[in-house]
Amino acid sequence: MEGRREKRNSARLQVLVSNLAQPWLTEQVSTENITSYGMRVQTERPWEPGTIVLIKSFRDELRARARVVYCKALQRKTFGLGLEFLARTEARITR
């Protein structure tokens, strides 16, 4: 956990990630890990770092605005997306 502010929670949630500037750009994704600072998800398309997104889970366990920190190609048509919550208190995870 060196360099990390807190331990990552490996909770798997299905969430919708929507571009706030272009709301029609929405993708259903699966989380890889979550902290109170952000999360990593797998996507099927690249997202531009700096993009502000809205994250919503289907069961209302999570709702937050976040910034795309990085987008890393993992495999063919699969990307790892690092998301930083814009406000720690805004991110609500109930599980």
PDB file of N, CA and C in Angstrom:
ATOM      1  N   MET A   1       0.829  -1.195   0.000  1.00  0.00           N
ATOM      2  CA  MET A   1       0.000   0.000   0.000  1.00  0.00           C
ATOM      3  C   MET A   1       0.870   1.254   0.000  1.00  0.00           C
ATOM      4  N   GLU A   2       2.140   1.103  -0.227  1.00  0.00           N
ATOM      5  CA  GLU A   2       3.047   2.233  -0.221  1.00  0.00           C
ATOM      6  C   GLU A   2       2.581   3.313  -1.196  1.00  0.00           C
ATOM      7  N   GLY A   3       2.549   4.562  -0.741  1.00  0.00           N
ATOM      8  CA  GLY A   3       2.113   5.659  -1.579  1.00  0.00           C
ATOM      9  C   GLY A   3       0.602   5.852  -1.630  1.00  0.00           C
ATOM     10  N   ARG A   4      -0.141   4.976  -1.005  1.00  0.00           N
ATOM     11  CA  ARG A   4      -1.603   5.062  -1.001  1.00  0.00           C
ATOM     12  C   ARG A   4      -2.076   5.745   0.272  1.00  0.00           C
ATOM     13  N   ARG A   5      -3.160   6.492   0.160  1.00  0.00           N
ATOM     14  CA  ARG A   5      -3.715   7.176   1.329  1.00  0.00           C
ATOM     15  C   ARG A   5      -4.534   6.243   2.199  1.00  0.00           C
ATOM     16  N   GLU A   6      -5.119   5.222   1.607  1.00  0.00           N
ATOM     17  CA  GLU A   6      -5.890   4.249   2.377  1.00  0.00           C
ATOM     18  C   GLU A   6      -5.986   2.950   1.596  1.00  0.00           C
ATOM     19  N   LYS A   7      -6.341   1.888   2.282  1.00  0.00           N
ATOM     20  CA  LYS A   7      -6.460   0.577   1.659  1.00  0.00           C
ATOM     21  C   LYS A   7      -7.630   0.558   0.680  1.00  0.00           C
ATOM     22  N   ARG A   8      -7.427  -0.109  -0.442  1.00  0.00           N
ATOM     23  CA  ARG A   8      -8.484  -0.227  -1.450  1.00  0.00           C
ATOM     24  C   ARG A   8      -9.467  -1.326  -1.069  1.00  0.00           C
ATOM     25  N   ASN A   9     -10.732  -1.069  -1.331  1.00  0.00           N
ATOM     26  CA  ASN A   9     -11.797  -2.047  -1.121  1.00  0.00           C
ATOM     27  C   ASN A   9     -12.059  -2.701  -2.470  1.00  0.00           C
ATOM     28  N   SER A  10     -11.970  -4.019  -2.523  1.00  0.00           N
ATOM     29  CA  SER A  10     -12.133  -4.712  -3.806  1.00  0.00           C
ATOM     30  C   SER A  10     -13.598  -4.981  -4.152  1.00  0.00           C
ATOM     31  N   ALA A  11     -14.495  -4.159  -3.648  1.00  0.00           N
ATOM     32  CA  ALA A  11     -15.932  -4.317  -3.925  1.00  0.00           C
ATOM     33  C   ALA A  11     -16.195  -4.260  -5.421  1.00  0.00           C
ATOM     34  N   ARG A  12     -17.024  -5.173  -5.880  1.00  0.00           N
ATOM     35  CA  ARG A  12     -17.421  -5.208  -7.291  1.00  0.00           C
ATOM     36  C   ARG A  12     -18.844  -4.674  -7.403  1.00  0.00           C
ATOM     37  N   LEU A  13     -18.967  -3.542  -8.060  1.00  0.00           N
ATOM     38  CA  LEU A  13     -20.277  -2.938  -8.304  1.00  0.00           C
ATOM     39  C   LEU A  13     -20.442  -2.707  -9.798  1.00  0.00           C
ATOM     40  N   GLN A  14     -21.652  -2.819 -10.284  1.00  0.00           N
ATOM     41  CA  GLN A  14     -21.969  -2.402 -11.644  1.00  0.00           C
ATOM     42  C   GLN A  14     -22.424  -0.949 -11.550  1.00  0.00           C
ATOM     43  N   VAL A  15     -21.762  -0.069 -12.287  1.00  0.00           N
ATOM     44  CA  VAL A  15     -22.093   1.352 -12.235  1.00  0.00           C
ATOM     45  C   VAL A  15     -22.199   1.917 -13.646  1.00  0.00           C
ATOM     46  N   LEU A  16     -22.890   3.040 -13.738  1.00  0.00           N
ATOM     47  CA  LEU A  16     -22.937   3.811 -14.976  1.00  0.00           C
ATOM     48  C   LEU A  16     -21.974   4.976 -14.840  1.00  0.00           C
ATOM     49  N   VAL A  17     -21.137   5.166 -15.842  1.00  0.00           N
ATOM     50  CA  VAL A  17     -20.228   6.308 -15.894  1.00  0.00           C
ATOM     51  C   VAL A  17     -20.693   7.176 -17.054  1.00  0.00           C
ATOM     52  N   SER A  18     -21.021   8.440 -16.753  1.00  0.00           N
ATOM     53  CA  SER A  18     -21.537   9.363 -17.771  1.00  0.00           C
ATOM     54  C   SER A  18     -20.658  10.601 -17.832  1.00  0.00           C
ATOM     55  N   ASN A  19     -20.352  11.041 -19.027  1.00  0.00           N
ATOM     56  CA  ASN A  19     -19.609  12.270 -19.241  1.00  0.00           C
ATOM     57  C   ASN A  19     -20.555  13.436 -18.941  1.00  0.00           C
ATOM     58  N   LEU A  20     -20.197  14.295 -17.979  1.00  0.00           N
ATOM     59  CA  LEU A  20     -21.098  15.403 -17.618  1.00  0.00           C
ATOM     60  C   LEU A  20     -21.258  16.410 -18.750  1.00  0.00           C
ATOM     61  N   ALA A  21     -20.220  16.620 -19.555  1.00  0.00           N
ATOM     62  CA  ALA A  21     -20.310  17.576 -20.657  1.00  0.00           C
ATOM     63  C   ALA A  21     -21.075  17.001 -21.844  1.00  0.00           C
ATOM     64  N   GLN A  22     -21.067  15.677 -21.974  1.00  0.00           N
ATOM     65  CA  GLN A  22     -21.758  14.993 -23.071  1.00  0.00           C
ATOM     66  C   GLN A  22     -22.504  13.797 -22.485  1.00  0.00           C
ATOM     67  N   PRO A  23     -23.658  14.026 -21.844  1.00  0.00           N
ATOM     68  CA  PRO A  23     -24.359  12.973 -21.100  1.00  0.00           C
ATOM     69  C   PRO A  23     -24.761  11.755 -21.922  1.00  0.00           C
ATOM     70  N   TRP A  24     -24.816  11.880 -23.235  1.00  0.00           N
ATOM     71  CA  TRP A  24     -25.143  10.719 -24.066  1.00  0.00           C
ATOM     72  C   TRP A  24     -23.978   9.727 -24.114  1.00  0.00           C
ATOM     73  N   LEU A  25     -22.772  10.159 -23.673  1.00  0.00           N
ATOM     74  CA  LEU A  25     -21.631   9.248 -23.575  1.00  0.00           C
ATOM     75  C   LEU A  25     -21.670   8.583 -22.205  1.00  0.00           C
ATOM     76  N   THR A  26     -22.352   7.467 -22.137  1.00  0.00           N
ATOM     77  CA  THR A  26     -22.548   6.722 -20.893  1.00  0.00           C
ATOM     78  C   THR A  26     -22.152   5.281 -21.131  1.00  0.00           C
ATOM     79  N   GLU A  27     -21.516   4.693 -20.131  1.00  0.00           N
ATOM     80  CA  GLU A  27     -21.079   3.307 -20.254  1.00  0.00           C
ATOM     81  C   GLU A  27     -21.345   2.566 -18.952  1.00  0.00           C
ATOM     82  N   GLN A  28     -21.852   1.349 -19.068  1.00  0.00           N
ATOM     83  CA  GLN A  28     -22.014   0.479 -17.902  1.00  0.00           C
ATOM     84  C   GLN A  28     -20.685  -0.227 -17.687  1.00  0.00           C
ATOM     85  N   VAL A  29     -20.141  -0.114 -16.466  1.00  0.00           N
ATOM     86  CA  VAL A  29     -18.819  -0.669 -16.174  1.00  0.00           C
ATOM     87  C   VAL A  29     -18.845  -1.428 -14.850  1.00  0.00           C
ATOM     88  N   SER A  30     -17.772  -2.151 -14.596  1.00  0.00           N
ATOM     89  CA  SER A  30     -17.607  -2.883 -13.344  1.00  0.00           C
ATOM     90  C   SER A  30     -16.435  -2.283 -12.581  1.00  0.00           C
ATOM     91  N   THR A  31     -16.612  -2.072 -11.285  1.00  0.00           N
ATOM     92  CA  THR A  31     -15.521  -1.539 -10.480  1.00  0.00           C
ATOM     93  C   THR A  31     -14.500  -2.636 -10.196  1.00  0.00           C
ATOM     94  N   GLU A  32     -13.228  -2.237 -10.097  1.00  0.00           N
ATOM     95  CA  GLU A  32     -12.162  -3.148  -9.683  1.00  0.00           C
ATOM     96  C   GLU A  32     -11.828  -2.930  -8.216  1.00  0.00           C
ATOM     97  N   ASN A  33     -11.794  -1.650  -7.812  1.00  0.00           N
ATOM     98  CA  ASN A  33     -11.572  -1.316  -6.408  1.00  0.00           C
ATOM     99  C   ASN A  33     -12.091   0.084  -6.135  1.00  0.00           C
ATOM    100  N   ILE A  34     -12.334   0.340  -4.845  1.00  0.00           N
ATOM    101  CA  ILE A  34     -12.925   1.607  -4.423  1.00  0.00           C
ATOM    102  C   ILE A  34     -12.260   2.059  -3.126  1.00  0.00           C
ATOM    103  N   THR A  35     -12.014   3.364  -3.001  1.00  0.00           N
ATOM    104  CA  THR A  35     -11.632   3.977  -1.732  1.00  0.00           C
ATOM    105  C   THR A  35     -12.523   5.207  -1.559  1.00  0.00           C
ATOM    106  N   SER A  36     -12.357   5.918  -0.468  1.00  0.00           N
ATOM    107  CA  SER A  36     -13.136   7.149  -0.295  1.00  0.00           C
ATOM    108  C   SER A  36     -12.596   8.265  -1.192  1.00  0.00           C
ATOM    109  N   TYR A  37     -11.440   8.047  -1.828  1.00  0.00           N
ATOM    110  CA  TYR A  37     -10.842   9.043  -2.723  1.00  0.00           C
ATOM    111  C   TYR A  37     -11.193   8.814  -4.190  1.00  0.00           C
ATOM    112  N   GLY A  38     -11.508   7.562  -4.554  1.00  0.00           N
ATOM    113  CA  GLY A  38     -11.780   7.277  -5.952  1.00  0.00           C
ATOM    114  C   GLY A  38     -11.982   5.801  -6.210  1.00  0.00           C
ATOM    115  N   MET A  39     -11.882   5.427  -7.471  1.00  0.00           N
ATOM    116  CA  MET A  39     -12.088   4.029  -7.857  1.00  0.00           C
ATOM    117  C   MET A  39     -11.384   3.750  -9.171  1.00  0.00           C
ATOM    118  N   ARG A  40     -11.240   2.466  -9.440  1.00  0.00           N
ATOM    119  CA  ARG A  40     -10.753   2.005 -10.741  1.00  0.00           C
ATOM    120  C   ARG A  40     -11.842   1.129 -11.335  1.00  0.00           C
ATOM    121  N   VAL A  41     -12.129   1.369 -12.618  1.00  0.00           N
ATOM    122  CA  VAL A  41     -13.151   0.605 -13.321  1.00  0.00           C
ATOM    123  C   VAL A  41     -12.577   0.089 -14.636  1.00  0.00           C
ATOM    124  N   GLN A  42     -13.237  -0.904 -15.209  1.00  0.00           N
ATOM    125  CA  GLN A  42     -12.889  -1.389 -16.543  1.00  0.00           C
ATOM    126  C   GLN A  42     -13.929  -0.889 -17.530  1.00  0.00           C
ATOM    127  N   THR A  43     -13.457  -0.346 -18.637  1.00  0.00           N
ATOM    128  CA  THR A  43     -14.350   0.178 -19.664  1.00  0.00           C
ATOM    129  C   THR A  43     -14.053  -0.485 -21.009  1.00  0.00           C
ATOM    130  N   GLU A  44     -14.950  -0.282 -21.948  1.00  0.00           N
ATOM    131  CA  GLU A  44     -14.763  -0.824 -23.293  1.00  0.00           C
ATOM    132  C   GLU A  44     -14.274   0.225 -24.279  1.00  0.00           C
ATOM    133  N   ARG A  45     -14.119   1.454 -23.809  1.00  0.00           N
ATOM    134  CA  ARG A  45     -13.609   2.505 -24.688  1.00  0.00           C
ATOM    135  C   ARG A  45     -12.715   3.437 -23.877  1.00  0.00           C
ATOM    136  N   PRO A  46     -11.799   4.121 -24.540  1.00  0.00           N
ATOM    137  CA  PRO A  46     -10.930   5.049 -23.804  1.00  0.00           C
ATOM    138  C   PRO A  46     -11.686   6.312 -23.391  1.00  0.00           C
ATOM    139  N   TRP A  47     -11.298   6.850 -22.247  1.00  0.00           N
ATOM    140  CA  TRP A  47     -11.839   8.115 -21.750  1.00  0.00           C
ATOM    141  C   TRP A  47     -10.661   9.077 -21.607  1.00  0.00           C
ATOM    142  N   GLU A  48     -10.874  10.322 -21.934  1.00  0.00           N
ATOM    143  CA  GLU A  48      -9.831  11.339 -21.883  1.00  0.00           C
ATOM    144  C   GLU A  48      -9.552  11.756 -20.438  1.00  0.00           C
ATOM    145  N   PRO A  49      -8.273  11.703 -19.985  1.00  0.00           N
ATOM    146  CA  PRO A  49      -7.951  12.212 -18.644  1.00  0.00           C
ATOM    147  C   PRO A  49      -8.400  13.665 -18.503  1.00  0.00           C
ATOM    148  N   GLY A  50      -8.920  13.994 -17.333  1.00  0.00           N
ATOM    149  CA  GLY A  50      -9.450  15.329 -17.070  1.00  0.00           C
ATOM    150  C   GLY A  50     -10.952  15.432 -17.259  1.00  0.00           C
ATOM    151  N   THR A  51     -11.559  14.448 -17.914  1.00  0.00           N
ATOM    152  CA  THR A  51     -13.005  14.446 -18.127  1.00  0.00           C
ATOM    153  C   THR A  51     -13.733  14.319 -16.789  1.00  0.00           C
ATOM    154  N   ILE A  52     -14.760  15.120 -16.590  1.00  0.00           N
ATOM    155  CA  ILE A  52     -15.580  15.039 -15.380  1.00  0.00           C
ATOM    156  C   ILE A  52     -16.751  14.107 -15.678  1.00  0.00           C
ATOM    157  N   VAL A  53     -16.954  13.133 -14.790  1.00  0.00           N
ATOM    158  CA  VAL A  53     -17.987  12.118 -15.005  1.00  0.00           C
ATOM    159  C   VAL A  53     -18.912  12.027 -13.795  1.00  0.00           C
ATOM    160  N   LEU A  54     -20.095  11.492 -14.040  1.00  0.00           N
ATOM    161  CA  LEU A  54     -21.042  11.158 -12.984  1.00  0.00           C
ATOM    162  C   LEU A  54     -21.051   9.642 -12.870  1.00  0.00           C
ATOM    163  N   ILE A  55     -20.945   9.138 -11.652  1.00  0.00           N
ATOM    164  CA  ILE A  55     -20.953   7.700 -11.391  1.00  0.00           C
ATOM    165  C   ILE A  55     -22.202   7.382 -10.591  1.00  0.00           C
ATOM    166  N   LYS A  56     -22.982   6.404 -11.076  1.00  0.00           N
ATOM    167  CA  LYS A  56     -24.190   5.985 -10.357  1.00  0.00           C
ATOM    168  C   LYS A  56     -24.270   4.470 -10.391  1.00  0.00           C
ATOM    169  N   SER A  57     -24.529   3.879  -9.218  1.00  0.00           N
ATOM    170  CA  SER A  57     -24.739   2.431  -9.185  1.00  0.00           C
ATOM    171  C   SER A  57     -26.221   2.145  -9.378  1.00  0.00           C
ATOM    172  N   PHE A  58     -26.518   0.922  -9.752  1.00  0.00           N
ATOM    173  CA  PHE A  58     -27.898   0.547 -10.045  1.00  0.00           C
ATOM    174  C   PHE A  58     -28.749   0.425  -8.790  1.00  0.00           C
ATOM    175  N   ARG A  59     -28.143   0.040  -7.689  1.00  0.00           N
ATOM    176  CA  ARG A  59     -28.892  -0.115  -6.433  1.00  0.00           C
ATOM    177  C   ARG A  59     -28.727   1.087  -5.515  1.00  0.00           C
ATOM    178  N   ASP A  60     -28.226   2.176  -6.054  1.00  0.00           N
ATOM    179  CA  ASP A  60     -28.036   3.421  -5.309  1.00  0.00           C
ATOM    180  C   ASP A  60     -27.049   3.280  -4.150  1.00  0.00           C
ATOM    181  N   GLU A  61     -26.071   2.353  -4.285  1.00  0.00           N
ATOM    182  CA  GLU A  61     -25.026   2.232  -3.268  1.00  0.00           C
ATOM    183  C   GLU A  61     -24.007   3.352  -3.413  1.00  0.00           C
ATOM    184  N   LEU A  62     -23.915   3.899  -4.612  1.00  0.00           N
ATOM    185  CA  LEU A  62     -22.897   4.899  -4.906  1.00  0.00           C
ATOM    186  C   LEU A  62     -23.444   5.925  -5.886  1.00  0.00           C
ATOM    187  N   ARG A  63     -23.139   7.181  -5.606  1.00  0.00           N
ATOM    188  CA  ARG A  63     -23.450   8.284  -6.520  1.00  0.00           C
ATOM    189  C   ARG A  63     -22.397   9.348  -6.255  1.00  0.00           C
ATOM    190  N   ALA A  64     -21.638   9.717  -7.300  1.00  0.00           N
ATOM    191  CA  ALA A  64     -20.559  10.689  -7.106  1.00  0.00           C
ATOM    192  C   ALA A  64     -20.154  11.309  -8.435  1.00  0.00           C
ATOM    193  N   ARG A  65     -19.553  12.495  -8.341  1.00  0.00           N
ATOM    194  CA  ARG A  65     -18.888  13.092  -9.493  1.00  0.00           C
ATOM    195  C   ARG A  65     -17.401  12.818  -9.333  1.00  0.00           C
ATOM    196  N   ALA A  66     -16.725  12.574 -10.455  1.00  0.00           N
ATOM    197  CA  ALA A  66     -15.302  12.242 -10.399  1.00  0.00           C
ATOM    198  C   ALA A  66     -14.589  12.790 -11.628  1.00  0.00           C
ATOM    199  N   ARG A  67     -13.273  12.806 -11.537  1.00  0.00           N
ATOM    200  CA  ARG A  67     -12.416  13.234 -12.643  1.00  0.00           C
ATOM    201  C   ARG A  67     -11.625  12.024 -13.115  1.00  0.00           C
ATOM    202  N   VAL A  68     -11.529  11.851 -14.429  1.00  0.00           N
ATOM    203  CA  VAL A  68     -10.706  10.776 -14.984  1.00  0.00           C
ATOM    204  C   VAL A  68      -9.244  11.165 -14.787  1.00  0.00           C
ATOM    205  N   VAL A  69      -8.512  10.350 -14.021  1.00  0.00           N
ATOM    206  CA  VAL A  69      -7.102  10.615 -13.744  1.00  0.00           C
ATOM    207  C   VAL A  69      -6.223   9.957 -14.801  1.00  0.00           C
ATOM    208  N   TYR A  70      -6.555   8.729 -15.159  1.00  0.00           N
ATOM    209  CA  TYR A  70      -5.792   8.029 -16.195  1.00  0.00           C
ATOM    210  C   TYR A  70      -6.689   7.040 -16.918  1.00  0.00           C
ATOM    211  N   CYS A  71      -6.249   6.668 -18.108  1.00  0.00           N
ATOM    212  CA  CYS A  71      -6.920   5.645 -18.903  1.00  0.00           C
ATOM    213  C   CYS A  71      -5.818   4.775 -19.490  1.00  0.00           C
ATOM    214  N   LYS A  72      -5.765   3.523 -19.055  1.00  0.00           N
ATOM    215  CA  LYS A  72      -4.686   2.616 -19.442  1.00  0.00           C
ATOM    216  C   LYS A  72      -5.258   1.461 -20.262  1.00  0.00           C
ATOM    217  N   ALA A  73      -4.695   1.228 -21.454  1.00  0.00           N
ATOM    218  CA  ALA A  73      -5.121   0.092 -22.280  1.00  0.00           C
ATOM    219  C   ALA A  73      -4.710  -1.196 -21.576  1.00  0.00           C
ATOM    220  N   LEU A  74      -5.669  -2.110 -21.391  1.00  0.00           N
ATOM    221  CA  LEU A  74      -5.393  -3.380 -20.722  1.00  0.00           C
ATOM    222  C   LEU A  74      -5.286  -4.512 -21.733  1.00  0.00           C
ATOM    223  N   GLN A  75      -6.313  -4.701 -22.504  1.00  0.00           N
ATOM    224  CA  GLN A  75      -6.375  -5.719 -23.547  1.00  0.00           C
ATOM    225  C   GLN A  75      -7.094  -5.083 -24.721  1.00  0.00           C
ATOM    226  N   ARG A  76      -7.293  -5.865 -25.731  1.00  0.00           N
ATOM    227  CA  ARG A  76      -8.024  -5.349 -26.891  1.00  0.00           C
ATOM    228  C   ARG A  76      -9.420  -4.889 -26.445  1.00  0.00           C
ATOM    229  N   LYS A  77      -9.711  -3.628 -26.675  1.00  0.00           N
ATOM    230  CA  LYS A  77     -11.007  -3.019 -26.342  1.00  0.00           C
ATOM    231  C   LYS A  77     -11.341  -3.057 -24.852  1.00  0.00           C
ATOM    232  N   THR A  78     -10.335  -3.076 -23.991  1.00  0.00           N
ATOM    233  CA  THR A  78     -10.553  -3.000 -22.548  1.00  0.00           C
ATOM    234  C   THR A  78      -9.574  -1.983 -21.971  1.00  0.00           C
ATOM    235  N   PHE A  79     -10.088  -1.100 -21.125  1.00  0.00           N
ATOM    236  CA  PHE A  79      -9.271  -0.040 -20.551  1.00  0.00           C
ATOM    237  C   PHE A  79      -9.490   0.027 -19.044  1.00  0.00           C
ATOM    238  N   GLY A  80      -8.434   0.327 -18.310  1.00  0.00           N
ATOM    239  CA  GLY A  80      -8.525   0.581 -16.876  1.00  0.00           C
ATOM    240  C   GLY A  80      -8.615   2.078 -16.676  1.00  0.00           C
ATOM    241  N   LEU A  81      -9.630   2.507 -15.966  1.00  0.00           N
ATOM    242  CA  LEU A  81      -9.886   3.929 -15.781  1.00  0.00           C
ATOM    243  C   LEU A  81      -9.731   4.276 -14.309  1.00  0.00           C
ATOM    244  N   GLY A  82      -8.852   5.214 -14.003  1.00  0.00           N
ATOM    245  CA  GLY A  82      -8.695   5.710 -12.642  1.00  0.00           C
ATOM    246  C   GLY A  82      -9.547   6.942 -12.458  1.00  0.00           C
ATOM    247  N   LEU A  83     -10.436   6.912 -11.471  1.00  0.00           N
ATOM    248  CA  LEU A  83     -11.357   8.018 -11.216  1.00  0.00           C
ATOM    249  C   LEU A  83     -11.122   8.575  -9.823  1.00  0.00           C
ATOM    250  N   GLU A  84     -11.002   9.888  -9.719  1.00  0.00           N
ATOM    251  CA  GLU A  84     -10.836  10.560  -8.430  1.00  0.00           C
ATOM    252  C   GLU A  84     -12.117  11.316  -8.112  1.00  0.00           C
ATOM    253  N   PHE A  85     -12.722  10.994  -6.958  1.00  0.00           N
ATOM    254  CA  PHE A  85     -13.945  11.691  -6.559  1.00  0.00           C
ATOM    255  C   PHE A  85     -13.647  13.172  -6.362  1.00  0.00           C
ATOM    256  N   LEU A  86     -14.555  14.030  -6.804  1.00  0.00           N
ATOM    257  CA  LEU A  86     -14.358  15.471  -6.668  1.00  0.00           C
ATOM    258  C   LEU A  86     -14.526  15.935  -5.233  1.00  0.00           C
ATOM    259  N   ALA A  87     -15.343  15.240  -4.466  1.00  0.00           N
ATOM    260  CA  ALA A  87     -15.531  15.565  -3.050  1.00  0.00           C
ATOM    261  C   ALA A  87     -15.684  14.257  -2.291  1.00  0.00           C
ATOM    262  N   ARG A  88     -14.823  14.031  -1.312  1.00  0.00           N
ATOM    263  CA  ARG A  88     -14.890  12.775  -0.561  1.00  0.00           C
ATOM    264  C   ARG A  88     -16.237  12.599   0.109  1.00  0.00           C
ATOM    265  N   THR A  89     -16.813  13.681   0.600  1.00  0.00           N
ATOM    266  CA  THR A  89     -18.096  13.567   1.296  1.00  0.00           C
ATOM    267  C   THR A  89     -19.240  13.321   0.323  1.00  0.00           C
ATOM    268  N   GLU A  90     -19.023  13.662  -0.948  1.00  0.00           N
ATOM    269  CA  GLU A  90     -20.076  13.461  -1.942  1.00  0.00           C
ATOM    270  C   GLU A  90     -20.222  11.982  -2.293  1.00  0.00           C
ATOM    271  N   ALA A  91     -19.112  11.264  -2.303  1.00  0.00           N
ATOM    272  CA  ALA A  91     -19.155   9.841  -2.656  1.00  0.00           C
ATOM    273  C   ALA A  91     -19.805   9.074  -1.518  1.00  0.00           C
ATOM    274  N   ARG A  92     -20.876   8.401  -1.829  1.00  0.00           N
ATOM    275  CA  ARG A  92     -21.635   7.679  -0.810  1.00  0.00           C
ATOM    276  C   ARG A  92     -21.627   6.209  -1.178  1.00  0.00           C
ATOM    277  N   ILE A  93     -20.938   5.408  -0.395  1.00  0.00           N
ATOM    278  CA  ILE A  93     -20.888   3.977  -0.655  1.00  0.00           C
ATOM    279  C   ILE A  93     -21.548   3.274   0.516  1.00  0.00           C
ATOM    280  N   THR A  94     -22.634   2.577   0.263  1.00  0.00           N
ATOM    281  CA  THR A  94     -23.326   1.844   1.320  1.00  0.00           C
ATOM    282  C   THR A  94     -23.379   0.390   0.928  1.00  0.00           C
ATOM    283  N   ARG A  95     -22.745  -0.432   1.700  1.00  0.00           N
ATOM    284  CA  ARG A  95     -22.716  -1.863   1.411  1.00  0.00           C
ATOM    285  C   ARG A  95     -22.578  -2.631   2.657  1.00  0.00           C
TER     286      ARG A  95
END
